[in-house]
Amino acid sequence: MRVYQCRFRRGAERTVAWIEARGAKVGAWVDLETLDDGGLWEVEAVFDAPLEDRALKEMQRLNRNSLSSLMKNVV
């Protein structure tokens, strides 16, 4: 399945996230489940570099493993 990185707005709030191609249309309203229960977000922009979902998962895994945890540095 293809996913697209999009910019979203909800009132004064803005965020960027990856979503399935079927919702990646400017003006569409989508539920970003991982953020909160505050309601739907409007797709403000769709960026031009789609990924296959498995490639995105691998990229996220690699990025998480390359960043040290803030909690590890708490004394």
N, C-alpha and C. Protein backbone atom coordinates (compact mmCIF):
# COMPACT_ATOMS: atom_id res chain seq x y z
N MET A 1 0.84 -1.17 0.00
CA MET A 1 0.00 0.00 0.00
C MET A 1 0.89 1.25 0.00
N ARG A 2 0.54 2.24 -0.75
CA ARG A 2 1.28 3.50 -0.81
C ARG A 2 0.82 4.44 0.29
N VAL A 3 1.78 5.18 0.85
CA VAL A 3 1.48 6.20 1.84
C VAL A 3 2.13 7.51 1.41
N TYR A 4 1.51 8.62 1.79
CA TYR A 4 2.01 9.95 1.45
C TYR A 4 2.19 10.77 2.72
N GLN A 5 3.23 11.60 2.71
CA GLN A 5 3.41 12.54 3.80
C GLN A 5 2.55 13.75 3.49
N CYS A 6 1.76 14.18 4.49
CA CYS A 6 0.84 15.29 4.29
C CYS A 6 0.95 16.28 5.45
N ARG A 7 0.55 17.52 5.16
CA ARG A 7 0.44 18.53 6.20
C ARG A 7 -1.04 18.69 6.52
N PHE A 8 -1.35 18.78 7.82
CA PHE A 8 -2.73 18.82 8.28
C PHE A 8 -2.97 20.05 9.15
N ARG A 9 -4.24 20.47 9.21
CA ARG A 9 -4.62 21.53 10.14
C ARG A 9 -5.94 21.18 10.81
N ARG A 10 -6.07 21.69 12.02
CA ARG A 10 -7.32 21.58 12.78
C ARG A 10 -7.36 22.83 13.64
N GLY A 11 -8.15 23.80 13.21
CA GLY A 11 -8.15 25.09 13.90
C GLY A 11 -6.78 25.73 13.79
N ALA A 12 -6.18 26.12 14.93
CA ALA A 12 -4.85 26.73 14.93
C ALA A 12 -3.74 25.69 14.95
N GLU A 13 -4.08 24.42 15.11
CA GLU A 13 -3.08 23.35 15.19
C GLU A 13 -2.62 22.95 13.79
N ARG A 14 -1.33 22.58 13.67
CA ARG A 14 -0.77 22.06 12.44
C ARG A 14 0.10 20.85 12.77
N THR A 15 0.15 19.89 11.86
CA THR A 15 1.03 18.73 12.03
C THR A 15 1.34 18.13 10.67
N VAL A 16 2.32 17.24 10.65
CA VAL A 16 2.69 16.50 9.44
C VAL A 16 2.68 15.02 9.79
N ALA A 17 2.14 14.19 8.90
CA ALA A 17 2.08 12.75 9.15
C ALA A 17 1.98 12.01 7.82
N TRP A 18 2.26 10.71 7.88
CA TRP A 18 2.11 9.83 6.72
C TRP A 18 0.74 9.16 6.79
N ILE A 19 0.00 9.15 5.67
CA ILE A 19 -1.30 8.49 5.62
C ILE A 19 -1.44 7.70 4.32
N GLU A 20 -2.42 6.82 4.30
CA GLU A 20 -2.71 6.01 3.12
C GLU A 20 -3.10 6.90 1.94
N ALA A 21 -2.81 6.44 0.75
CA ALA A 21 -3.08 7.20 -0.47
C ALA A 21 -4.56 7.58 -0.58
N ARG A 22 -5.45 6.73 -0.12
CA ARG A 22 -6.89 7.01 -0.29
C ARG A 22 -7.34 8.27 0.44
N GLY A 23 -6.64 8.69 1.49
CA GLY A 23 -7.00 9.91 2.21
C GLY A 23 -6.13 11.10 1.86
N ALA A 24 -5.11 10.90 1.04
CA ALA A 24 -4.13 11.94 0.74
C ALA A 24 -4.60 12.85 -0.39
N LYS A 25 -5.64 13.62 -0.11
CA LYS A 25 -6.20 14.56 -1.08
C LYS A 25 -6.45 15.88 -0.36
N VAL A 26 -5.93 16.97 -0.93
CA VAL A 26 -6.11 18.29 -0.32
C VAL A 26 -7.60 18.54 -0.11
N GLY A 27 -7.94 18.97 1.11
CA GLY A 27 -9.33 19.25 1.45
C GLY A 27 -10.04 18.10 2.12
N ALA A 28 -9.47 16.89 2.08
CA ALA A 28 -10.08 15.73 2.74
C ALA A 28 -9.95 15.88 4.25
N TRP A 29 -10.88 15.28 4.98
CA TRP A 29 -10.84 15.27 6.44
C TRP A 29 -10.54 13.85 6.89
N VAL A 30 -9.51 13.71 7.74
CA VAL A 30 -9.07 12.38 8.16
C VAL A 30 -8.89 12.33 9.68
N ASP A 31 -8.94 11.13 10.21
CA ASP A 31 -8.72 10.89 11.63
C ASP A 31 -7.29 10.42 11.80
N LEU A 32 -6.48 11.17 12.52
CA LEU A 32 -5.10 10.79 12.82
C LEU A 32 -5.09 10.13 14.19
N GLU A 33 -5.31 8.83 14.20
CA GLU A 33 -5.53 8.08 15.44
C GLU A 33 -4.41 8.20 16.46
N THR A 34 -3.17 8.31 16.03
CA THR A 34 -2.07 8.30 16.98
C THR A 34 -1.91 9.62 17.72
N LEU A 35 -2.58 10.68 17.28
CA LEU A 35 -2.39 11.98 17.93
C LEU A 35 -3.29 12.17 19.13
N ASP A 36 -4.58 12.05 18.96
CA ASP A 36 -5.51 12.32 20.07
C ASP A 36 -6.94 12.04 19.64
N ASP A 37 -7.86 12.37 20.50
CA ASP A 37 -9.29 12.17 20.21
C ASP A 37 -9.98 13.49 19.88
N GLY A 38 -9.23 14.49 19.47
CA GLY A 38 -9.76 15.83 19.30
C GLY A 38 -10.57 16.07 18.05
N GLY A 39 -10.75 15.09 17.21
CA GLY A 39 -11.54 15.28 16.00
C GLY A 39 -10.71 15.11 14.74
N LEU A 40 -11.35 15.41 13.64
CA LEU A 40 -10.74 15.20 12.32
C LEU A 40 -9.77 16.32 11.97
N TRP A 41 -8.81 15.99 11.10
CA TRP A 41 -7.82 16.93 10.60
C TRP A 41 -8.06 17.13 9.10
N GLU A 42 -7.88 18.35 8.62
CA GLU A 42 -8.01 18.64 7.19
C GLU A 42 -6.65 18.51 6.52
N VAL A 43 -6.61 17.81 5.38
CA VAL A 43 -5.37 17.69 4.61
C VAL A 43 -5.14 19.03 3.92
N GLU A 44 -4.01 19.67 4.28
CA GLU A 44 -3.67 20.98 3.75
C GLU A 44 -2.73 20.88 2.55
N ALA A 45 -1.85 19.86 2.56
CA ALA A 45 -0.91 19.66 1.45
C ALA A 45 -0.51 18.19 1.41
N VAL A 46 -0.26 17.70 0.19
CA VAL A 46 0.22 16.33 -0.02
C VAL A 46 1.58 16.46 -0.71
N PHE A 47 2.62 15.88 -0.10
CA PHE A 47 3.97 15.98 -0.65
C PHE A 47 4.19 14.90 -1.71
N ASP A 48 5.12 15.16 -2.62
CA ASP A 48 5.26 14.40 -3.86
C ASP A 48 6.08 13.11 -3.80
N ALA A 49 6.46 12.62 -2.65
CA ALA A 49 7.32 11.44 -2.60
C ALA A 49 6.64 10.31 -1.82
N PRO A 50 5.75 9.54 -2.48
CA PRO A 50 5.09 8.45 -1.77
C PRO A 50 6.07 7.32 -1.46
N LEU A 51 5.71 6.54 -0.46
CA LEU A 51 6.48 5.35 -0.09
C LEU A 51 5.54 4.17 0.01
N GLU A 52 6.09 2.99 -0.15
CA GLU A 52 5.33 1.79 0.19
C GLU A 52 5.30 1.71 1.72
N ASP A 53 4.22 1.23 2.30
CA ASP A 53 4.08 1.22 3.77
C ASP A 53 5.21 0.45 4.44
N ARG A 54 5.68 -0.64 3.84
CA ARG A 54 6.76 -1.41 4.47
C ARG A 54 8.07 -0.63 4.45
N ALA A 55 8.30 0.21 3.43
CA ALA A 55 9.50 1.05 3.38
C ALA A 55 9.42 2.13 4.46
N LEU A 56 8.24 2.69 4.68
CA LEU A 56 8.06 3.68 5.74
C LEU A 56 8.31 3.06 7.11
N LYS A 57 7.78 1.87 7.34
CA LYS A 57 8.00 1.20 8.63
C LYS A 57 9.48 0.94 8.88
N GLU A 58 10.20 0.53 7.85
CA GLU A 58 11.63 0.28 7.98
C GLU A 58 12.38 1.59 8.25
N MET A 59 12.02 2.65 7.55
CA MET A 59 12.66 3.95 7.76
C MET A 59 12.42 4.44 9.20
N GLN A 60 11.19 4.28 9.70
CA GLN A 60 10.88 4.69 11.07
C GLN A 60 11.66 3.85 12.07
N ARG A 61 11.80 2.56 11.81
CA ARG A 61 12.56 1.69 12.70
C ARG A 61 14.02 2.12 12.76
N LEU A 62 14.60 2.40 11.61
CA LEU A 62 16.00 2.83 11.55
C LEU A 62 16.20 4.17 12.25
N ASN A 63 15.28 5.10 12.04
CA ASN A 63 15.39 6.42 12.68
C ASN A 63 15.28 6.32 14.19
N ARG A 64 14.38 5.52 14.69
CA ARG A 64 14.22 5.36 16.15
C ARG A 64 15.47 4.75 16.75
N ASN A 65 16.06 3.79 16.08
CA ASN A 65 17.24 3.12 16.62
C ASN A 65 18.49 4.00 16.55
N SER A 66 18.49 5.02 15.70
CA SER A 66 19.67 5.86 15.58
C SER A 66 19.66 7.04 16.55
N LEU A 67 18.52 7.29 17.18
CA LEU A 67 18.41 8.42 18.10
C LEU A 67 18.49 7.93 19.54
N SER A 68 19.32 8.57 20.35
CA SER A 68 19.38 8.17 21.75
C SER A 68 18.13 8.66 22.46
N SER A 69 17.72 7.95 23.43
CA SER A 69 16.54 8.30 24.20
C SER A 69 16.88 9.44 25.15
N LEU A 70 15.98 10.39 25.28
CA LEU A 70 16.18 11.47 26.26
C LEU A 70 16.22 10.90 27.67
N MET A 71 15.44 9.88 27.91
CA MET A 71 15.39 9.30 29.26
C MET A 71 16.73 8.67 29.65
N LYS A 72 17.50 8.19 28.70
CA LYS A 72 18.79 7.58 29.01
C LYS A 72 19.77 8.63 29.56
N ASN A 73 19.54 9.90 29.21
CA ASN A 73 20.46 10.96 29.60
C ASN A 73 20.04 11.68 30.89
N VAL A 74 18.94 11.25 31.49
CA VAL A 74 18.49 11.88 32.74
C VAL A 74 19.33 11.34 33.89
N VAL A 75 19.83 12.25 34.72
CA VAL A 75 20.67 11.83 35.85
C VAL A 75 19.85 11.82 37.12
